[in-house]
C-alpha atoms as a PDB file:
ATOM      1  CA  MET A   1      95.943  87.883 117.658  1.00  0.00           C
ATOM      2  CA  THR A   2      98.097  90.882 118.316  1.00  0.00           C
ATOM      3  CA  ARG A   3      97.602  94.139 116.853  1.00  0.00           C
ATOM      4  CA  ARG A   4     100.897  93.674 115.128  1.00  0.00           C
ATOM      5  CA  GLY A   5      99.884  90.515 113.624  1.00  0.00           C
ATOM      6  CA  GLU A   6      96.766  91.757 112.402  1.00  0.00           C
ATOM      7  CA  THR A   7      98.603  94.836 110.895  1.00  0.00           C
ATOM      8  CA  LEU A   8     100.719  92.385 108.965  1.00  0.00           C
ATOM      9  CA  GLU A   9      97.958  90.649 107.689  1.00  0.00           C
ATOM     10  CA  LEU A  10      96.214  93.777 106.404  1.00  0.00           C
ATOM     11  CA  ALA A  11      99.661  94.896 104.761  1.00  0.00           C
ATOM     12  CA  VAL A  12      99.838  91.262 103.155  1.00  0.00           C
ATOM     13  CA  LEU A  13      96.128  91.461 101.890  1.00  0.00           C
ATOM     14  CA  GLY A  14      96.683  94.956 100.575  1.00  0.00           C
ATOM     15  CA  LEU A  15      99.708  94.194  98.858  1.00  0.00           C
ATOM     16  CA  LEU A  16      98.497  90.837  97.217  1.00  0.00           C
ATOM     17  CA  HIS A  17      95.449  92.837  96.265  1.00  0.00           C
ATOM     18  CA  GLU A  18      97.727  94.637  93.812  1.00  0.00           C
ATOM     19  CA  ASN A  19      99.422  91.581  92.345  1.00  0.00           C
ATOM     20  CA  PRO A  20     100.547  87.856  93.354  1.00  0.00           C
ATOM     21  CA  MET A  21     103.814  87.819  94.903  1.00  0.00           C
ATOM     22  CA  HIS A  22     106.450  85.314  96.316  1.00  0.00           C
ATOM     23  CA  GLY A  23     107.651  85.479  99.935  1.00  0.00           C
ATOM     24  CA  TYR A  24     110.837  87.185  99.197  1.00  0.00           C
ATOM     25  CA  GLU A  25     109.199  89.673  96.935  1.00  0.00           C
ATOM     26  CA  LEU A  26     106.380  90.188  99.542  1.00  0.00           C
ATOM     27  CA  ARG A  27     108.972  90.881 102.333  1.00  0.00           C
ATOM     28  CA  LYS A  28     110.881  93.393 100.313  1.00  0.00           C
ATOM     29  CA  GLN A  29     107.566  95.355  99.427  1.00  0.00           C
ATOM     30  CA  LEU A  30     106.434  95.366 103.050  1.00  0.00           C
ATOM     31  CA  ASN A  31     109.965  96.642 104.180  1.00  0.00           C
ATOM     32  CA  LEU A  32     110.129  99.275 101.362  1.00  0.00           C
ATOM     33  CA  THR A  33     106.761 100.595 101.126  1.00  0.00           C
ATOM     34  CA  LEU A  34     105.534 100.016 104.929  1.00  0.00           C
ATOM     35  CA  GLY A  35     108.786 100.754 106.537  1.00  0.00           C
ATOM     36  CA  TRP A  36     109.287  97.697 108.301  1.00  0.00           C
ATOM     37  CA  GLY A  37     112.914  96.959 107.123  1.00  0.00           C
ATOM     38  CA  ARG A  38     114.441  96.291 110.515  1.00  0.00           C
ATOM     39  CA  VAL A  39     111.394  94.732 112.155  1.00  0.00           C
ATOM     40  CA  LEU A  40     109.805  92.320 109.843  1.00  0.00           C
ATOM     41  CA  SER A  41     111.652  88.944 109.299  1.00  0.00           C
ATOM     42  CA  TYR A  42     110.670  85.764 107.667  1.00  0.00           C
ATOM     43  CA  GLY A  43     109.901  84.447 111.203  1.00  0.00           C
ATOM     44  CA  SER A  44     106.942  86.729 111.358  1.00  0.00           C
ATOM     45  CA  LEU A  45     106.058  86.537 107.677  1.00  0.00           C
ATOM     46  CA  TYR A  46     105.762  83.160 106.954  1.00  0.00           C
ATOM     47  CA  PRO A  47     103.598  82.064 110.240  1.00  0.00           C
ATOM     48  CA  ALA A  48     101.376  84.966 109.034  1.00  0.00           C
ATOM     49  CA  LEU A  49     101.102  83.488 105.521  1.00  0.00           C
ATOM     50  CA  LYS A  50     100.252  80.034 106.703  1.00  0.00           C
ATOM     51  CA  LYS A  51      97.517  81.497 108.801  1.00  0.00           C
ATOM     52  CA  MET A  52      96.146  83.266 106.048  1.00  0.00           C
ATOM     53  CA  LEU A  53      96.204  80.081 103.923  1.00  0.00           C
ATOM     54  CA  LYS A  54      94.572  78.155 106.348  1.00  0.00           C
ATOM     55  CA  ALA A  55      91.865  80.993 106.676  1.00  0.00           C
ATOM     56  CA  GLY A  56      91.359  80.740 102.863  1.00  0.00           C
ATOM     57  CA  TRP A  57      92.306  84.465 102.338  1.00  0.00           C
ATOM     58  CA  ILE A  58      95.297  83.539  99.991  1.00  0.00           C
ATOM     59  CA  THR A  59      96.372  80.748  97.915  1.00  0.00           C
ATOM     60  CA  GLU A  60      99.816  79.640  96.742  1.00  0.00           C
ATOM     61  CA  HIS A  61     101.292  78.328  93.659  1.00  0.00           C
ATOM     62  CA  VAL A  62     104.743  76.684  93.022  1.00  0.00           C
ATOM     63  CA  THR A  63     106.244  78.181  90.096  1.00  0.00           C
ATOM     64  CA  ALA A  64     109.353  76.797  88.235  1.00  0.00           C
ATOM     65  CA  PRO A  65     112.627  78.800  88.029  1.00  0.00           C
ATOM     66  CA  GLU A  66     112.824  80.885  85.001  1.00  0.00           C
ATOM     67  CA  ALA A  67     114.822  79.443  82.120  1.00  0.00           C
ATOM     68  CA  GLY A  68     118.568  80.661  82.181  1.00  0.00           C
ATOM     69  CA  ALA A  69     118.139  81.927  85.759  1.00  0.00           C
ATOM     70  CA  VAL A  70     121.522  81.907  87.319  1.00  0.00           C
ATOM     71  CA  VAL A  71     120.840  83.325  90.677  1.00  0.00           C
ATOM     72  CA  SER A  72     118.269  80.554  91.689  1.00  0.00           C
ATOM     73  CA  ARG A  73     117.225  77.232  90.444  1.00  0.00           C
ATOM     74  CA  ARG A  74     114.682  76.806  93.176  1.00  0.00           C
ATOM     75  CA  GLN A  75     111.021  76.569  92.648  1.00  0.00           C
ATOM     76  CA  ARG A  76     109.072  79.667  94.073  1.00  0.00           C
ATOM     77  CA  ILE A  77     106.078  79.797  95.935  1.00  0.00           C
ATOM     78  CA  VAL A  78     103.697  82.541  94.843  1.00  0.00           C
ATOM     79  CA  TYR A  79     100.844  83.878  97.064  1.00  0.00           C
ATOM     80  CA  GLU A  80      97.803  85.089  95.525  1.00  0.00           C
ATOM     81  CA  LEU A  81      94.486  86.833  97.111  1.00  0.00           C
ATOM     82  CA  THR A  82      91.450  84.556  96.984  1.00  0.00           C
ATOM     83  CA  PRO A  83      87.862  86.151  96.903  1.00  0.00           C
ATOM     84  CA  ALA A  84      87.494  85.482 100.565  1.00  0.00           C
ATOM     85  CA  GLY A  85      90.868  87.383 101.100  1.00  0.00           C
ATOM     86  CA  ASP A  86      89.408  90.344  99.007  1.00  0.00           C
ATOM     87  CA  GLU A  87      86.316  90.331 101.440  1.00  0.00           C
ATOM     88  CA  GLN A  88      88.438  90.256 104.463  1.00  0.00           C
ATOM     89  CA  PHE A  89      90.634  93.090 103.169  1.00  0.00           C
ATOM     90  CA  ALA A  90      87.432  95.100 102.373  1.00  0.00           C
ATOM     91  CA  LYS A  91      86.101  94.321 105.677  1.00  0.00           C
ATOM     92  CA  VAL A  92      89.190  95.321 107.611  1.00  0.00           C
ATOM     93  CA  MET A  93      89.484  98.509 105.562  1.00  0.00           C
ATOM     94  CA  SER A  94      86.022  99.556 106.270  1.00  0.00           C
ATOM     95  CA  ASP A  95      86.695  99.834 110.035  1.00  0.00           C
ATOM     96  CA  ALA A  96      87.257 103.354 111.133  1.00  0.00           C
ATOM     97  CA  GLY A  97      87.382 102.761 114.981  1.00  0.00           C
ATOM     98  CA  PRO A  98      90.041 103.869 117.424  1.00  0.00           C
ATOM     99  CA  THR A  99      92.490 101.156 116.569  1.00  0.00           C
ATOM    100  CA  THR A 100      92.801 102.634 113.188  1.00  0.00           C
ATOM    101  CA  TRP A 101      94.296 105.845 114.520  1.00  0.00           C
ATOM    102  CA  GLU A 102      97.180 104.168 116.288  1.00  0.00           C
ATOM    103  CA  ASP A 103     100.610 104.308 115.328  1.00  0.00           C
ATOM    104  CA  ASP A 104     101.121 100.717 114.599  1.00  0.00           C
ATOM    105  CA  ASN A 105      98.013 100.512 112.297  1.00  0.00           C
ATOM    106  CA  PHE A 106      97.633 104.097 110.792  1.00  0.00           C
ATOM    107  CA  ASP A 107     100.527 103.988 108.302  1.00  0.00           C
ATOM    108  CA  VAL A 108      99.352 100.541 107.057  1.00  0.00           C
ATOM    109  CA  ARG A 109      95.811 102.006 106.405  1.00  0.00           C
ATOM    110  CA  PHE A 110      97.037 104.886 104.872  1.00  0.00           C
ATOM    111  CA  ALA A 111      99.055 103.153 102.334  1.00  0.00           C
ATOM    112  CA  PHE A 112      95.818 101.522 101.146  1.00  0.00           C
ATOM    113  CA  PHE A 113      93.597 104.508 101.355  1.00  0.00           C
ATOM    114  CA  GLY A 114      93.108 104.490  97.594  1.00  0.00           C
ATOM    115  CA  ARG A 115      90.888 101.593  98.127  1.00  0.00           C
ATOM    116  CA  THR A 116      88.700 102.968 101.025  1.00  0.00           C
ATOM    117  CA  ASP A 117      85.574 105.345 100.929  1.00  0.00           C
ATOM    118  CA  ARG A 118      86.154 108.828 101.449  1.00  0.00           C
ATOM    119  CA  GLU A 119      83.867 108.903 104.494  1.00  0.00           C
ATOM    120  CA  ILE A 120      86.045 106.188 106.250  1.00  0.00           C
ATOM    121  CA  ARG A 121      89.094 107.776 105.287  1.00  0.00           C
ATOM    122  CA  LEU A 122      87.759 111.038 106.916  1.00  0.00           C
ATOM    123  CA  ARG A 123      86.851 109.504 110.158  1.00  0.00           C
ATOM    124  CA  ILE A 124      90.270 107.744 110.333  1.00  0.00           C
ATOM    125  CA  LEU A 125      91.995 110.918 109.598  1.00  0.00           C
ATOM    126  CA  GLU A 126      90.206 112.885 112.192  1.00  0.00           C
ATOM    127  CA  GLY A 127      90.532 110.248 114.652  1.00  0.00           C
ATOM    128  CA  ARG A 128      94.331 110.259 114.028  1.00  0.00           C
ATOM    129  CA  ARG A 129      94.571 114.055 114.433  1.00  0.00           C
ATOM    130  CA  ALA A 130      92.411 114.081 117.689  1.00  0.00           C
ATOM    131  CA  ARG A 131      94.810 111.362 118.842  1.00  0.00           C
ATOM    132  CA  MET A 132      97.892 113.416 117.799  1.00  0.00           C
ATOM    133  CA  GLU A 133      96.536 116.671 119.021  1.00  0.00           C
ATOM    134  CA  GLU A 134      96.197 114.976 122.705  1.00  0.00           C
ATOM    135  CA  ARG A 135      99.772 113.906 122.065  1.00  0.00           C
ATOM    136  CA  LEU A 136     100.920 117.374 121.105  1.00  0.00           C
ATOM    137  CA  ALA A 137      99.205 118.785 124.299  1.00  0.00           C
ATOM    138  CA  HIS A 138     101.113 116.300 126.495  1.00  0.00           C
ATOM    139  CA  ALA A 139     104.384 117.062 124.692  1.00  0.00           C
ATOM    140  CA  GLN A 140     103.912 120.721 125.194  1.00  0.00           C
ATOM    141  CA  GLN A 141     103.101 120.211 129.068  1.00  0.00           C
ATOM    142  CA  GLN A 142     106.237 117.909 129.250  1.00  0.00           C
ATOM    143  CA  LEU A 143     108.548 120.654 127.589  1.00  0.00           C
ATOM    144  CA  ALA A 144     107.082 123.231 129.794  1.00  0.00           C
ATOM    145  CA  ARG A 145     107.860 121.266 132.884  1.00  0.00           C
ATOM    146  CA  SER A 146     111.488 120.174 131.691  1.00  0.00           C
ATOM    147  CA  ARG A 147     113.303 123.469 131.846  1.00  0.00           C
ATOM    148  CA  GLU A 148     115.518 122.178 134.467  1.00  0.00           C
ATOM    149  CA  THR A 149     116.203 118.855 132.830  1.00  0.00           C
ATOM    150  CA  ASP A 150     119.539 117.965 131.006  1.00  0.00           C
ATOM    151  CA  SER A 151     119.479 120.119 127.693  1.00  0.00           C
ATOM    152  CA  TYR A 152     119.839 116.924 125.523  1.00  0.00           C
ATOM    153  CA  ALA A 153     116.592 115.568 127.156  1.00  0.00           C
ATOM    154  CA  VAL A 154     115.007 119.073 126.552  1.00  0.00           C
ATOM    155  CA  GLU A 155     116.126 118.682 122.909  1.00  0.00           C
ATOM    156  CA  LEU A 156     114.615 115.445 122.486  1.00  0.00           C
ATOM    157  CA  LEU A 157     111.117 116.723 123.878  1.00  0.00           C
ATOM    158  CA  ARG A 158     111.303 119.628 121.396  1.00  0.00           C
ATOM    159  CA  HIS A 159     112.071 117.257 118.394  1.00  0.00           C
ATOM    160  CA  SER A 160     109.236 115.018 119.513  1.00  0.00           C
ATOM    161  CA  LEU A 161     106.898 118.239 119.692  1.00  0.00           C
ATOM    162  CA  GLU A 162     108.064 119.326 116.258  1.00  0.00           C
ATOM    163  CA  SER A 163     107.401 115.904 114.788  1.00  0.00           C
ATOM    164  CA  VAL A 164     103.648 115.966 116.192  1.00  0.00           C
ATOM    165  CA  GLN A 165     103.154 119.317 115.281  1.00  0.00           C
ATOM    166  CA  ARG A 166     104.063 118.432 111.515  1.00  0.00           C
ATOM    167  CA  GLU A 167     101.770 115.436 111.556  1.00  0.00           C
ATOM    168  CA  VAL A 168      98.890 117.478 112.825  1.00  0.00           C
ATOM    169  CA  HIS A 169      99.500 120.108 110.237  1.00  0.00           C
ATOM    170  CA  TRP A 170      99.659 117.358 107.516  1.00  0.00           C
ATOM    171  CA  LEU A 171      96.627 115.643 108.662  1.00  0.00           C
ATOM    172  CA  SER A 172      94.821 118.745 108.596  1.00  0.00           C
ATOM    173  CA  SER A 173      95.799 119.441 105.217  1.00  0.00           C
ATOM    174  CA  LEU A 174      94.707 115.852 104.047  1.00  0.00           C
ATOM    175  CA  ILE A 175      91.209 116.431 105.923  1.00  0.00           C
ATOM    176  CA  ALA A 176      90.500 119.581 103.939  1.00  0.00           C
ATOM    177  CA  VAL A 177      91.437 117.840 100.533  1.00  0.00           C
ATOM    178  CA  GLU A 178      89.033 114.961 101.392  1.00  0.00           C
ATOM    179  CA  ARG A 179      86.297 117.590 102.533  1.00  0.00           C
ATOM    180  CA  ASN A 180      86.476 119.307  99.655  1.00  0.00           C
ATOM    181  CA  GLY A 181      86.309 116.494  97.404  1.00  0.00           C
ATOM    182  CA  GLY A 182      89.884 117.058  95.746  1.00  0.00           C
ATOM    183  CA  SER A 183      92.138 114.642  94.682  1.00  0.00           C
ATOM    184  CA  MET A 184      95.100 113.402  96.735  1.00  0.00           C
ATOM    185  CA  ARG A 185      97.227 113.293  93.571  1.00  0.00           C
ATOM    186  CA  ASP A 186      96.629 117.178  93.339  1.00  0.00           C
ATOM    187  CA  GLN A 187      97.720 117.767  96.745  1.00  0.00           C
ATOM    188  CA  LEU A 188     100.707 115.665  96.477  1.00  0.00           C
ATOM    189  CA  SER A 189     101.805 117.607  93.360  1.00  0.00           C
ATOM    190  CA  LYS A 190     101.658 121.004  95.159  1.00  0.00           C
ATOM    191  CA  PRO A 191     104.885 122.347  96.825  1.00  0.00           C
ATOM    192  CA  THR A 192     105.102 121.961 100.599  1.00  0.00           C
ATOM    193  CA  GLU A 193     105.054 124.902 102.882  1.00  0.00           C
ATOM    194  CA  THR A 194     107.586 124.893 105.691  1.00  0.00           C
ATOM    195  CA  ASN A 195     106.787 126.447 109.279  1.00  0.00           C
END
């Protein structure tokens, strides 16, 4: 299984952990909440759902169209998490290894951090920050070497550097909140500082 497929499975399990959903609603939530709007197609979602059905992580129920529904008279298939799916979600969310820090995995895990133990959140946040600090050092070296390069290429490097700096700052703030036993809700309600 590719990392992308595993990440998609985690996202589906996380969303179904909250409520049962039909395929259209599930895809819409994946696109809106997790930012996969241009990438996730039904051609990716439905094979993942079939695999998860076969593994016993989810179940499907056919529902009749709502009375008076003008938009669609088709039956809908609603997907729901099973106890085995709940266990799989908990197992995957308890992982704090290096793959959890990567770009294609971190955002999905972060979206479901509310259901993750604080120590695991801290390990993932610290790992992500270390990875981003490595990226920051590399971007700084590239920018220092690129003074004779095209000015647009230099601007793109500068933009990349600023983005990584913002993420390192953000991660450091989150780590401080976690270490102090604070609430993420309290952190989110504070006005943001600008550099």
